[in-house]
Each structure stands twice: as C-alpha cells, then as structure tokens.
Amino acid sequence: MTVLERQRSGGKQKTVNANKRDKSLRVPVLPEEEMVIKAKASEAGLTIAEYLRNLGLGYTVPSVIDNRQVDALLKINADLGRLGGLIKLWLTNDRRTKYIGKSQLHMTLDTIRETQSAMLSEILKLRK
C-alpha cells in the first residue's frame, strides 16, 4: 500500500494517509491571498490544509457551492414539472379541473415564467 491512496466514497474523493503527517510546509502569502484561500477552502468544505494539499497533489477540489446550486436547479425543475402537469390536466378537460378558469391558467403560466426566471438566474450563477 502506498503512503497516499485516493479512495472514492459516497461521491467524494478522499485522501487517506497510512502514516501520520509530521511534516509541515510554510507558504508566505499576502493578506488578500490568505482571505481568498480561506474562502475557497470553506466553499469546498475542506480545512485550509486539506485544500492546499489537494491542490498541491493535483487533485480536483470539489466545490460545495456548485452542489448547492445544482440542488436549487433541481428543485426549480421539479416545480416546473408540477406546473406543467396542472396545465395538462386543464387542457384535457379532466373532471377535476372543470372549475379552473382561464384566469387561473394565466396565473399558472405566470408562475411558470417566474420559475423559469429563477432557474435562469441560478444557471447564470453557475457560469461565474
């Protein structure tokens, strides 16, 4: 077994060390650089040491924020699916929707448009 071994568990990559880490590296940084490194480590859900070690060893550092944004998009997509189902019922003249008028349909369409706007804003956040 090598000293460092990468394992996949639950979709996360983890660095496992067979020996105790007893060496430290000192990296001088500017105050602004320190703030950025700390923020990026926090975004990734890692300690500063884990974050820098992963970067130094060439591992990809997953971002927790990206996962949160994907979850938000999935929730919005589910809302759109439910709204689409309601419109489908209305259009098929289902007996359960006989009391839904055109005004209710227009309100539902407005809700879909608002939801699409929310989804677009989340997608634009992901692109940054």
Protein backbone atom coordinates (compact mmCIF):
# COMPACT_ATOMS: atom_id res chain seq x y z
CA MET A 1 0.00 0.00 0.00
CA THR A 2 1.35 3.41 -0.91
CA VAL A 3 1.61 6.18 1.63
CA LEU A 4 -1.15 8.14 -0.08
CA GLU A 5 -4.12 6.41 -1.58
CA ARG A 6 -7.12 8.02 -3.22
CA GLN A 7 -10.46 6.44 -2.49
CA ARG A 8 -13.96 7.18 -3.70
CA SER A 9 -16.63 7.07 -1.04
CA GLY A 10 -20.10 8.48 -1.41
CA GLY A 11 -19.16 10.52 -4.48
CA LYS A 12 -16.38 12.35 -2.63
CA GLN A 13 -12.70 11.90 -3.19
CA LYS A 14 -10.76 11.41 -0.02
CA THR A 15 -7.05 11.34 0.66
CA VAL A 16 -6.08 8.61 3.10
CA ASN A 17 -2.66 8.53 4.70
CA ALA A 18 -1.18 5.28 6.03
CA ASN A 19 1.31 7.24 8.16
CA LYS A 20 0.91 10.23 10.44
CA ARG A 21 1.61 13.53 8.76
CA ASP A 22 4.52 15.02 10.65
CA LYS A 23 5.92 17.45 8.09
CA SER A 24 4.68 20.99 7.59
CA LEU A 25 5.24 23.40 4.75
CA ARG A 26 5.27 27.15 5.21
CA VAL A 27 3.86 29.26 2.41
CA PRO A 28 4.12 33.05 2.78
CA VAL A 29 1.05 34.82 1.39
CA LEU A 30 -0.34 38.35 1.24
CA PRO A 31 -3.34 39.16 3.46
CA GLU A 32 -5.60 39.26 0.38
CA GLU A 33 -4.30 35.86 -0.75
CA GLU A 34 -4.94 34.44 2.72
CA MET A 35 -8.56 35.60 2.60
CA VAL A 36 -9.09 34.09 -0.86
CA ILE A 37 -7.51 30.75 0.11
CA LYS A 38 -9.59 30.55 3.29
CA ALA A 39 -12.78 31.38 1.38
CA LYS A 40 -12.09 28.79 -1.31
CA ALA A 41 -11.30 26.11 1.28
CA SER A 42 -14.55 26.92 3.06
CA GLU A 43 -16.51 26.80 -0.23
CA ALA A 44 -15.06 23.35 -0.88
CA GLY A 45 -15.95 22.20 2.64
CA LEU A 46 -12.29 21.49 3.46
CA THR A 47 -9.78 22.71 6.00
CA ILE A 48 -7.09 25.01 4.64
CA ALA A 49 -4.51 22.21 4.96
CA GLU A 50 -6.72 19.71 3.09
CA TYR A 51 -7.49 22.27 0.40
CA LEU A 52 -3.83 23.21 -0.20
CA ARG A 53 -2.70 19.58 -0.01
CA ASN A 54 -5.27 18.53 -2.62
CA LEU A 55 -4.25 21.38 -4.91
CA GLY A 56 -0.55 20.64 -4.43
CA LEU A 57 -1.04 16.96 -5.22
CA GLY A 58 -3.01 17.78 -8.36
CA TYR A 59 -6.41 16.58 -7.13
CA THR A 60 -9.59 18.32 -8.20
CA VAL A 61 -11.16 20.24 -5.34
CA PRO A 62 -14.94 19.82 -5.43
CA SER A 63 -17.00 22.89 -4.62
CA VAL A 64 -19.87 22.61 -2.17
CA ILE A 65 -21.43 25.75 -3.65
CA ASP A 66 -21.77 24.13 -7.06
CA ASN A 67 -23.65 21.24 -5.44
CA ARG A 68 -25.99 23.66 -3.69
CA GLN A 69 -26.72 25.45 -6.94
CA VAL A 70 -27.41 22.18 -8.73
CA ASP A 71 -29.82 21.22 -5.93
CA ALA A 72 -31.59 24.59 -6.33
CA LEU A 73 -31.91 23.99 -10.07
CA LEU A 74 -33.34 20.52 -9.48
CA LYS A 75 -35.98 21.94 -7.13
CA ILE A 76 -36.93 24.60 -9.67
CA ASN A 77 -37.13 21.98 -12.41
CA ALA A 78 -39.46 19.86 -10.23
CA ASP A 79 -41.71 22.92 -9.73
CA LEU A 80 -41.90 23.41 -13.49
CA GLY A 81 -42.85 19.76 -13.95
CA ARG A 82 -45.68 20.04 -11.43
CA LEU A 83 -46.99 23.21 -13.06
CA GLY A 84 -46.84 21.55 -16.48
CA GLY A 85 -48.87 18.65 -15.11
CA LEU A 86 -51.56 21.06 -13.89
CA ILE A 87 -51.80 22.70 -17.30
CA LYS A 88 -52.00 19.31 -18.98
CA LEU A 89 -54.95 18.37 -16.74
CA TRP A 90 -56.68 21.63 -17.60
CA LEU A 91 -56.13 21.19 -21.34
CA THR A 92 -57.51 17.63 -21.33
CA ASN A 93 -60.74 18.84 -19.69
CA ASP A 94 -60.19 16.49 -16.76
CA ARG A 95 -63.25 16.46 -14.47
CA ARG A 96 -61.05 17.50 -11.53
CA THR A 97 -60.20 20.76 -13.29
CA LYS A 98 -63.62 21.77 -14.59
CA TYR A 99 -63.77 24.68 -12.13
CA ILE A 100 -60.43 26.12 -13.17
CA GLY A 101 -60.97 29.13 -15.39
CA LYS A 102 -58.77 30.96 -17.83
CA SER A 103 -57.64 33.40 -15.14
CA GLN A 104 -56.27 30.51 -13.06
CA LEU A 105 -54.48 29.15 -16.15
CA HIS A 106 -52.91 32.55 -16.80
CA MET A 107 -51.79 32.76 -13.17
CA THR A 108 -50.21 29.31 -13.52
CA LEU A 109 -48.43 30.39 -16.71
CA ASP A 110 -47.14 33.50 -14.90
CA THR A 111 -45.83 31.26 -12.12
CA ILE A 112 -44.04 29.12 -14.70
CA ARG A 113 -42.44 32.24 -16.20
CA GLU A 114 -41.30 33.39 -12.75
CA THR A 115 -39.89 29.95 -12.03
CA GLN A 116 -38.05 29.93 -15.36
CA SER A 117 -36.54 33.33 -14.46
CA ALA A 118 -35.39 31.96 -11.11
CA MET A 119 -33.86 28.96 -12.86
CA LEU A 120 -32.06 31.21 -15.35
CA SER A 121 -30.58 33.30 -12.54
CA GLU A 122 -29.30 30.12 -10.84
CA ILE A 123 -27.76 28.95 -14.13
CA LEU A 124 -26.03 32.31 -14.57
CA LYS A 125 -24.59 31.98 -11.05
CA LEU A 126 -23.16 28.58 -12.01
CA ARG A 127 -21.43 30.05 -15.06
CA LYS A 128 -19.44 32.50 -12.87
